[in-house]
């Protein structure tokens, strides 16, 4: 089951950022398959971890992701990495979904990149217990949300 998170951070239109996370290689494979061009993929660098996707407006680039959103996604992938969870700090990489490269010889859940120039690295991500607690609280188990209508974003009215 793919996990769906609603951030407490809003974009310029007042819509809360939405995150999708696969906890194992099968769920990660579903996320690879059903990603949208406006999705951005996060992963612990050089370790096995959850895949986390943040959905942005179609006109946004990888450089438009707010630092607070990068921090939340980085915490999710660190927390959901068997090895990374135990380490004091990890590096996290993120890139547009369209930059993910999947070939037939790759194992389930594994990806490469079309261009390393589109990959951004966040160095030395340390665990933030308060942020993890909030993100776990905001988790919704909603497989249908990943592939649902692009106009179905959450607004502040959904949480009032």
N, C-alpha and C. Protein backbone atom coordinates (compact mmCIF):
# COMPACT_ATOMS: atom_id res chain seq x y z
N UNK A 1 0.85 -1.17 0.00
CA UNK A 1 0.00 0.00 0.00
C UNK A 1 0.90 1.24 0.00
N UNK A 2 0.70 2.11 -0.95
CA UNK A 2 1.45 3.36 -1.02
C UNK A 2 0.91 4.31 0.04
N UNK A 3 1.81 4.98 0.75
CA UNK A 3 1.41 5.93 1.78
C UNK A 3 1.36 7.33 1.20
N UNK A 4 0.40 8.08 1.66
CA UNK A 4 0.13 9.43 1.20
C UNK A 4 0.22 10.36 2.41
N UNK A 5 0.99 11.41 2.28
CA UNK A 5 1.17 12.37 3.37
C UNK A 5 0.73 13.75 2.91
N UNK A 6 0.15 14.49 3.81
CA UNK A 6 -0.20 15.89 3.54
C UNK A 6 0.68 16.74 4.44
N UNK A 7 1.46 17.60 3.83
CA UNK A 7 2.34 18.50 4.57
C UNK A 7 1.53 19.61 5.21
N UNK A 8 2.14 20.30 6.16
CA UNK A 8 1.51 21.51 6.69
C UNK A 8 2.02 22.74 5.95
N UNK A 9 2.79 22.52 4.90
CA UNK A 9 3.35 23.59 4.07
C UNK A 9 2.47 23.76 2.84
N UNK A 10 2.13 25.00 2.53
CA UNK A 10 1.28 25.29 1.38
C UNK A 10 2.09 25.90 0.24
N UNK A 11 1.64 25.64 -0.97
CA UNK A 11 2.25 26.30 -2.12
C UNK A 11 1.64 27.69 -2.30
N UNK A 12 2.03 28.37 -3.35
CA UNK A 12 1.57 29.75 -3.56
C UNK A 12 0.06 29.84 -3.83
N UNK A 13 -0.58 28.71 -4.15
CA UNK A 13 -2.03 28.70 -4.39
C UNK A 13 -2.82 28.29 -3.14
N UNK A 14 -2.13 28.09 -2.02
CA UNK A 14 -2.80 27.70 -0.79
C UNK A 14 -3.08 26.22 -0.68
N UNK A 15 -2.44 25.42 -1.54
CA UNK A 15 -2.64 23.97 -1.54
C UNK A 15 -1.50 23.32 -0.75
N UNK A 16 -1.87 22.44 0.17
CA UNK A 16 -0.85 21.73 0.94
C UNK A 16 -0.04 20.82 0.01
N UNK A 17 1.26 20.75 0.23
CA UNK A 17 2.09 19.82 -0.53
C UNK A 17 1.67 18.40 -0.18
N UNK A 18 1.76 17.52 -1.18
CA UNK A 18 1.38 16.12 -1.02
C UNK A 18 2.57 15.25 -1.33
N UNK A 19 2.77 14.23 -0.49
CA UNK A 19 3.88 13.30 -0.65
C UNK A 19 3.32 11.88 -0.78
N UNK A 20 4.00 11.07 -1.57
CA UNK A 20 3.67 9.67 -1.75
C UNK A 20 4.90 8.86 -1.41
N UNK A 21 4.72 7.77 -0.70
CA UNK A 21 5.87 6.98 -0.28
C UNK A 21 5.59 5.49 -0.42
N UNK A 22 6.54 4.79 -1.02
CA UNK A 22 6.51 3.34 -1.06
C UNK A 22 7.45 2.81 0.01
N UNK A 23 7.01 1.85 0.78
CA UNK A 23 7.84 1.33 1.88
C UNK A 23 8.64 0.10 1.49
N UNK A 24 8.36 -0.48 0.34
CA UNK A 24 9.15 -1.63 -0.09
C UNK A 24 9.33 -1.56 -1.60
N UNK A 25 10.08 -2.50 -2.15
CA UNK A 25 10.41 -2.43 -3.57
C UNK A 25 9.19 -2.56 -4.48
N UNK A 26 8.18 -3.28 -4.05
CA UNK A 26 6.97 -3.41 -4.86
C UNK A 26 6.22 -2.10 -4.91
N UNK A 27 6.07 -1.45 -3.75
CA UNK A 27 5.40 -0.15 -3.72
C UNK A 27 6.23 0.91 -4.46
N UNK A 28 7.54 0.84 -4.32
CA UNK A 28 8.40 1.76 -5.05
C UNK A 28 8.23 1.59 -6.56
N UNK A 29 8.08 0.36 -6.99
CA UNK A 29 7.87 0.09 -8.41
C UNK A 29 6.55 0.70 -8.89
N UNK A 30 5.51 0.63 -8.06
CA UNK A 30 4.23 1.27 -8.40
C UNK A 30 4.41 2.78 -8.55
N UNK A 31 5.18 3.37 -7.65
CA UNK A 31 5.41 4.81 -7.73
C UNK A 31 6.17 5.18 -8.99
N UNK A 32 7.14 4.37 -9.37
CA UNK A 32 7.88 4.62 -10.61
C UNK A 32 6.91 4.56 -11.79
N UNK A 33 6.05 3.58 -11.78
CA UNK A 33 5.11 3.36 -12.89
C UNK A 33 4.07 4.47 -13.00
N UNK A 34 3.55 4.96 -11.88
CA UNK A 34 2.44 5.90 -11.91
C UNK A 34 2.82 7.35 -11.66
N UNK A 35 4.12 7.66 -11.65
CA UNK A 35 4.54 9.04 -11.44
C UNK A 35 4.06 9.96 -12.55
N UNK A 36 3.97 11.22 -12.24
CA UNK A 36 3.58 12.25 -13.20
C UNK A 36 4.78 13.13 -13.50
N UNK A 37 4.79 13.79 -14.65
CA UNK A 37 5.92 14.67 -14.99
C UNK A 37 6.19 15.76 -13.95
N UNK A 38 5.19 16.17 -13.19
CA UNK A 38 5.40 17.20 -12.17
C UNK A 38 5.79 16.64 -10.81
N UNK A 39 6.07 15.34 -10.74
CA UNK A 39 6.52 14.71 -9.50
C UNK A 39 8.04 14.83 -9.38
N UNK A 40 8.50 14.91 -8.14
CA UNK A 40 9.93 14.91 -7.84
C UNK A 40 10.20 13.78 -6.87
N UNK A 41 11.24 13.00 -7.16
CA UNK A 41 11.58 11.76 -6.48
C UNK A 41 12.70 11.99 -5.48
N UNK A 42 12.55 11.45 -4.26
CA UNK A 42 13.56 11.55 -3.19
C UNK A 42 13.98 10.15 -2.77
N UNK A 43 15.26 10.00 -2.40
CA UNK A 43 15.79 8.71 -2.00
C UNK A 43 17.07 8.92 -1.21
N UNK A 44 17.35 8.05 -0.24
CA UNK A 44 18.63 8.08 0.44
C UNK A 44 19.70 7.67 -0.57
N UNK A 45 20.78 8.44 -0.64
CA UNK A 45 21.84 8.17 -1.61
C UNK A 45 22.64 6.94 -1.21
N UNK A 46 22.79 6.05 -2.17
CA UNK A 46 23.65 4.85 -2.04
C UNK A 46 23.20 3.83 -1.00
N UNK A 47 21.97 3.95 -0.52
CA UNK A 47 21.40 2.96 0.40
C UNK A 47 19.98 2.62 -0.05
N UNK A 48 19.51 1.48 0.37
CA UNK A 48 18.12 1.12 0.13
C UNK A 48 17.23 2.02 0.99
N UNK A 49 16.15 2.52 0.40
CA UNK A 49 15.22 3.35 1.18
C UNK A 49 13.89 3.41 0.47
N UNK A 50 12.94 4.00 1.17
CA UNK A 50 11.65 4.30 0.56
C UNK A 50 11.87 5.28 -0.58
N UNK A 51 10.96 5.25 -1.55
CA UNK A 51 10.90 6.29 -2.57
C UNK A 51 9.83 7.27 -2.10
N UNK A 52 10.14 8.55 -2.10
CA UNK A 52 9.17 9.57 -1.74
C UNK A 52 9.03 10.52 -2.92
N UNK A 53 7.80 10.83 -3.25
CA UNK A 53 7.51 11.76 -4.35
C UNK A 53 6.76 12.95 -3.79
N UNK A 54 7.13 14.13 -4.27
CA UNK A 54 6.37 15.34 -3.97
C UNK A 54 5.80 15.81 -5.30
N UNK A 55 4.55 16.20 -5.26
CA UNK A 55 3.86 16.65 -6.47
C UNK A 55 3.80 18.17 -6.45
N UNK A 56 4.27 18.79 -7.53
CA UNK A 56 4.27 20.25 -7.67
C UNK A 56 3.45 20.64 -8.89
N UNK A 57 3.30 21.92 -9.11
CA UNK A 57 2.65 22.42 -10.32
C UNK A 57 3.53 22.07 -11.52
N UNK A 58 2.90 21.90 -12.66
CA UNK A 58 3.62 21.49 -13.87
C UNK A 58 4.69 22.49 -14.30
N UNK A 59 4.55 23.75 -13.92
CA UNK A 59 5.51 24.77 -14.35
C UNK A 59 6.71 24.88 -13.42
N UNK A 60 6.81 24.04 -12.41
CA UNK A 60 7.89 24.11 -11.43
C UNK A 60 9.07 23.22 -11.82
N UNK A 61 10.26 23.63 -11.39
CA UNK A 61 11.46 22.84 -11.62
C UNK A 61 11.95 22.28 -10.28
N UNK A 62 12.96 21.46 -10.34
CA UNK A 62 13.54 20.87 -9.13
C UNK A 62 14.08 21.96 -8.20
N UNK A 63 14.45 23.09 -8.76
CA UNK A 63 14.99 24.19 -7.96
C UNK A 63 13.90 25.02 -7.27
N UNK A 64 12.64 24.77 -7.62
CA UNK A 64 11.52 25.51 -7.03
C UNK A 64 10.96 24.86 -5.78
N UNK A 65 11.45 23.70 -5.41
CA UNK A 65 10.94 23.01 -4.22
C UNK A 65 11.42 23.77 -2.99
N UNK A 66 10.50 24.22 -2.14
CA UNK A 66 10.91 24.97 -0.94
C UNK A 66 11.81 24.13 -0.03
N UNK A 67 12.79 24.75 0.62
CA UNK A 67 13.69 24.01 1.52
C UNK A 67 12.95 23.23 2.60
N UNK A 68 11.83 23.74 3.09
CA UNK A 68 11.08 23.03 4.12
C UNK A 68 10.46 21.75 3.57
N UNK A 69 10.08 21.74 2.30
CA UNK A 69 9.54 20.54 1.66
C UNK A 69 10.67 19.53 1.44
N UNK A 70 11.83 20.02 1.01
CA UNK A 70 12.99 19.14 0.86
C UNK A 70 13.32 18.49 2.20
N UNK A 71 13.24 19.26 3.27
CA UNK A 71 13.53 18.73 4.61
C UNK A 71 12.54 17.63 4.99
N UNK A 72 11.25 17.85 4.74
CA UNK A 72 10.25 16.83 5.09
C UNK A 72 10.48 15.55 4.29
N UNK A 73 10.68 15.68 2.99
CA UNK A 73 10.89 14.49 2.16
C UNK A 73 12.18 13.77 2.55
N UNK A 74 13.21 14.54 2.89
CA UNK A 74 14.48 13.94 3.32
C UNK A 74 14.30 13.15 4.61
N UNK A 75 13.50 13.66 5.53
CA UNK A 75 13.24 12.95 6.77
C UNK A 75 12.48 11.65 6.50
N UNK A 76 11.52 11.69 5.59
CA UNK A 76 10.75 10.48 5.28
C UNK A 76 11.63 9.38 4.71
N UNK A 77 12.53 9.71 3.78
CA UNK A 77 13.35 8.66 3.19
C UNK A 77 14.39 8.15 4.19
N UNK A 78 14.94 9.04 5.01
CA UNK A 78 15.90 8.59 6.04
C UNK A 78 15.21 7.67 7.04
N UNK A 79 14.06 8.08 7.52
CA UNK A 79 13.32 7.30 8.51
C UNK A 79 12.91 5.94 7.97
N UNK A 80 12.70 5.85 6.67
CA UNK A 80 12.22 4.61 6.05
C UNK A 80 13.30 3.93 5.22
N UNK A 81 14.52 3.99 5.73
CA UNK A 81 15.65 3.27 5.18
C UNK A 81 16.20 2.38 6.30
N UNK A 82 16.28 1.08 6.06
CA UNK A 82 16.74 0.16 7.10
C UNK A 82 18.13 0.55 7.59
N UNK A 83 19.05 0.83 6.68
CA UNK A 83 20.40 1.22 7.09
C UNK A 83 20.46 2.70 7.46
N UNK A 84 19.82 3.54 6.66
CA UNK A 84 19.88 4.98 6.88
C UNK A 84 19.26 5.41 8.19
N UNK A 85 18.23 4.70 8.61
CA UNK A 85 17.55 5.00 9.87
C UNK A 85 18.50 4.89 11.06
N UNK A 86 19.46 3.97 10.97
CA UNK A 86 20.39 3.72 12.06
C UNK A 86 21.59 4.67 12.06
N UNK A 87 21.83 5.33 10.93
CA UNK A 87 22.99 6.20 10.82
C UNK A 87 22.69 7.58 11.41
N UNK A 88 23.73 8.22 11.90
CA UNK A 88 23.57 9.57 12.45
C UNK A 88 23.12 10.55 11.37
N UNK A 89 23.70 10.41 10.17
CA UNK A 89 23.28 11.26 9.06
C UNK A 89 23.44 10.51 7.75
N UNK A 90 22.69 10.92 6.75
CA UNK A 90 22.75 10.33 5.41
C UNK A 90 22.69 11.47 4.39
N UNK A 91 23.07 11.14 3.18
CA UNK A 91 22.85 12.06 2.06
C UNK A 91 21.57 11.62 1.36
N UNK A 92 20.82 12.60 0.88
CA UNK A 92 19.57 12.34 0.17
C UNK A 92 19.69 12.96 -1.22
N UNK A 93 19.18 12.25 -2.22
CA UNK A 93 19.16 12.79 -3.58
C UNK A 93 17.72 12.99 -4.02
N UNK A 94 17.51 13.99 -4.88
CA UNK A 94 16.20 14.16 -5.49
C UNK A 94 16.34 14.68 -6.90
N UNK A 95 15.33 14.37 -7.71
CA UNK A 95 15.35 14.66 -9.13
C UNK A 95 13.92 14.62 -9.67
N UNK A 96 13.67 15.23 -10.82
CA UNK A 96 12.34 15.09 -11.43
C UNK A 96 12.04 13.62 -11.76
N UNK A 97 10.79 13.24 -11.62
CA UNK A 97 10.38 11.87 -11.95
C UNK A 97 10.77 11.53 -13.39
N UNK A 98 10.66 12.49 -14.28
CA UNK A 98 10.98 12.24 -15.69
C UNK A 98 12.46 11.92 -15.90
N UNK A 99 13.31 12.19 -14.92
CA UNK A 99 14.73 11.87 -15.01
C UNK A 99 15.04 10.45 -14.55
N UNK A 100 14.05 9.77 -13.98
CA UNK A 100 14.27 8.39 -13.54
C UNK A 100 14.37 7.48 -14.76
N UNK A 101 15.33 6.59 -14.72
CA UNK A 101 15.56 5.65 -15.83
C UNK A 101 15.39 4.24 -15.31
N UNK A 102 14.49 3.51 -15.93
CA UNK A 102 14.22 2.13 -15.54
C UNK A 102 14.47 1.25 -16.76
N UNK A 103 15.39 0.30 -16.63
CA UNK A 103 15.68 -0.61 -17.73
C UNK A 103 15.29 -2.03 -17.32
N UNK A 104 15.14 -2.89 -18.30
CA UNK A 104 14.68 -4.25 -18.06
C UNK A 104 15.60 -5.09 -17.20
N UNK A 105 16.87 -4.73 -17.12
CA UNK A 105 17.81 -5.52 -16.33
C UNK A 105 17.88 -5.09 -14.86
N UNK A 106 17.13 -4.07 -14.48
CA UNK A 106 17.14 -3.58 -13.10
C UNK A 106 16.17 -4.40 -12.24
N UNK A 107 16.55 -4.58 -10.98
CA UNK A 107 15.68 -5.30 -10.06
C UNK A 107 14.50 -4.41 -9.68
N UNK A 108 13.49 -5.03 -9.11
CA UNK A 108 12.28 -4.32 -8.71
C UNK A 108 12.62 -3.17 -7.76
N UNK A 109 12.11 -1.98 -8.05
CA UNK A 109 12.32 -0.81 -7.22
C UNK A 109 13.59 -0.04 -7.53
N UNK A 110 14.47 -0.59 -8.35
CA UNK A 110 15.74 0.07 -8.67
C UNK A 110 15.56 1.03 -9.84
N UNK A 111 16.23 2.17 -9.76
CA UNK A 111 16.22 3.14 -10.85
C UNK A 111 17.62 3.71 -11.06
N UNK A 112 17.81 4.30 -12.21
CA UNK A 112 18.99 5.10 -12.53
C UNK A 112 18.50 6.46 -12.98
N UNK A 113 19.39 7.23 -13.56
CA UNK A 113 19.04 8.58 -14.01
C UNK A 113 19.40 8.74 -15.48
N UNK A 114 18.57 9.48 -16.19
CA UNK A 114 18.90 9.85 -17.56
C UNK A 114 20.04 10.86 -17.56
N UNK A 115 20.02 11.80 -16.62
CA UNK A 115 21.04 12.84 -16.54
C UNK A 115 21.40 13.10 -15.08
N UNK A 116 22.66 12.92 -14.73
CA UNK A 116 23.13 13.22 -13.38
C UNK A 116 23.08 14.71 -13.08
N UNK A 117 23.04 15.53 -14.11
CA UNK A 117 22.98 16.99 -13.92
C UNK A 117 21.67 17.44 -13.30
N UNK A 118 20.63 16.61 -13.40
CA UNK A 118 19.31 16.95 -12.85
C UNK A 118 19.11 16.41 -11.44
N UNK A 119 20.15 15.81 -10.87
CA UNK A 119 20.07 15.22 -9.53
C UNK A 119 20.67 16.20 -8.53
N UNK A 120 19.93 16.49 -7.46
CA UNK A 120 20.40 17.37 -6.40
C UNK A 120 20.66 16.53 -5.16
N UNK A 121 21.76 16.81 -4.48
CA UNK A 121 22.12 16.06 -3.28
C UNK A 121 22.01 16.97 -2.05
N UNK A 122 21.35 16.46 -1.02
CA UNK A 122 21.29 17.11 0.28
C UNK A 122 22.22 16.32 1.19
N UNK A 123 23.25 16.97 1.69
CA UNK A 123 24.26 16.27 2.49
C UNK A 123 23.93 16.30 3.98
N UNK A 124 24.31 15.22 4.64
CA UNK A 124 24.28 15.12 6.11
C UNK A 124 22.90 15.39 6.72
N UNK A 125 21.90 14.69 6.23
CA UNK A 125 20.56 14.80 6.80
C UNK A 125 20.52 14.02 8.11
N UNK A 126 20.26 14.71 9.20
CA UNK A 126 20.14 14.08 10.51
C UNK A 126 18.67 13.95 10.88
N UNK A 127 18.38 12.99 11.74
CA UNK A 127 16.99 12.74 12.13
C UNK A 127 16.41 13.92 12.90
N UNK A 128 15.19 14.28 12.53
CA UNK A 128 14.43 15.31 13.22
C UNK A 128 13.18 14.62 13.78
N UNK A 129 13.23 14.24 15.06
CA UNK A 129 12.15 13.45 15.66
C UNK A 129 10.80 14.15 15.61
N UNK A 130 10.78 15.45 15.84
CA UNK A 130 9.52 16.19 15.81
C UNK A 130 8.90 16.18 14.43
N UNK A 131 9.71 16.36 13.42
CA UNK A 131 9.20 16.36 12.05
C UNK A 131 8.71 14.97 11.66
N UNK A 132 9.44 13.93 12.04
CA UNK A 132 9.01 12.56 11.75
C UNK A 132 7.68 12.27 12.45
N UNK A 133 7.55 12.70 13.70
CA UNK A 133 6.30 12.48 14.44
C UNK A 133 5.13 13.14 13.70
N UNK A 134 5.33 14.39 13.26
CA UNK A 134 4.27 15.09 12.52
C UNK A 134 3.95 14.37 11.21
N UNK A 135 4.97 13.98 10.46
CA UNK A 135 4.74 13.33 9.17
C UNK A 135 4.00 12.01 9.36
N UNK A 136 4.36 11.25 10.37
CA UNK A 136 3.64 9.99 10.63
C UNK A 136 2.19 10.26 11.00
N UNK A 137 1.95 11.33 11.72
CA UNK A 137 0.59 11.71 12.09
C UNK A 137 -0.23 12.11 10.85
N UNK A 138 0.42 12.69 9.86
CA UNK A 138 -0.29 13.17 8.67
C UNK A 138 -0.45 12.10 7.59
N UNK A 139 0.00 10.88 7.87
CA UNK A 139 -0.03 9.81 6.89
C UNK A 139 -1.46 9.32 6.64
N UNK A 140 -1.77 9.16 5.36
CA UNK A 140 -3.04 8.57 4.94
C UNK A 140 -2.71 7.38 4.06
N UNK A 141 -3.41 6.29 4.23
CA UNK A 141 -3.20 5.11 3.39
C UNK A 141 -4.20 5.16 2.25
N UNK A 142 -3.81 5.79 1.15
CA UNK A 142 -4.75 6.03 0.06
C UNK A 142 -4.07 5.75 -1.27
N UNK A 143 -4.14 4.50 -1.71
CA UNK A 143 -3.50 4.12 -2.97
C UNK A 143 -4.08 4.86 -4.16
N UNK A 144 -5.35 5.21 -4.12
CA UNK A 144 -5.98 5.84 -5.27
C UNK A 144 -5.51 7.27 -5.47
N UNK A 145 -5.01 7.92 -4.45
CA UNK A 145 -4.64 9.32 -4.54
C UNK A 145 -3.49 9.54 -5.52
N UNK A 146 -2.57 8.59 -5.63
CA UNK A 146 -1.40 8.76 -6.50
C UNK A 146 -1.81 8.92 -7.95
N UNK A 147 -2.85 8.24 -8.37
CA UNK A 147 -3.22 8.26 -9.78
C UNK A 147 -4.51 9.04 -10.03
N UNK A 148 -5.01 9.75 -9.02
CA UNK A 148 -6.29 10.43 -9.17
C UNK A 148 -6.14 11.74 -9.94
N UNK A 149 -7.25 12.39 -10.16
CA UNK A 149 -7.33 13.63 -10.92
C UNK A 149 -6.32 14.65 -10.42
N UNK A 150 -5.62 15.27 -11.35
CA UNK A 150 -4.59 16.25 -11.00
C UNK A 150 -5.15 17.46 -10.28
N UNK A 151 -6.42 17.72 -10.39
CA UNK A 151 -7.02 18.89 -9.76
C UNK A 151 -7.56 18.60 -8.37
N UNK A 152 -7.28 17.42 -7.83
CA UNK A 152 -7.83 17.03 -6.54
C UNK A 152 -6.91 17.34 -5.37
N UNK A 153 -6.11 18.37 -5.45
CA UNK A 153 -5.19 18.71 -4.37
C UNK A 153 -5.94 19.16 -3.13
N UNK A 154 -5.31 19.03 -2.00
CA UNK A 154 -5.89 19.48 -0.74
C UNK A 154 -5.64 20.96 -0.56
N UNK A 155 -6.63 21.63 -0.04
CA UNK A 155 -6.48 23.05 0.30
C UNK A 155 -6.66 23.19 1.81
N UNK A 156 -6.41 24.37 2.32
CA UNK A 156 -6.54 24.58 3.75
C UNK A 156 -7.96 24.30 4.24
N UNK A 157 -8.95 24.47 3.40
CA UNK A 157 -10.35 24.20 3.79
C UNK A 157 -10.60 22.73 4.13
N UNK A 158 -9.78 21.83 3.57
CA UNK A 158 -9.94 20.41 3.84
C UNK A 158 -9.57 20.03 5.27
N UNK A 159 -8.84 20.90 5.96
CA UNK A 159 -8.37 20.60 7.30
C UNK A 159 -8.95 21.54 8.35
N UNK A 160 -9.97 22.28 8.01
CA UNK A 160 -10.59 23.23 8.95
C UNK A 160 -11.82 22.59 9.58
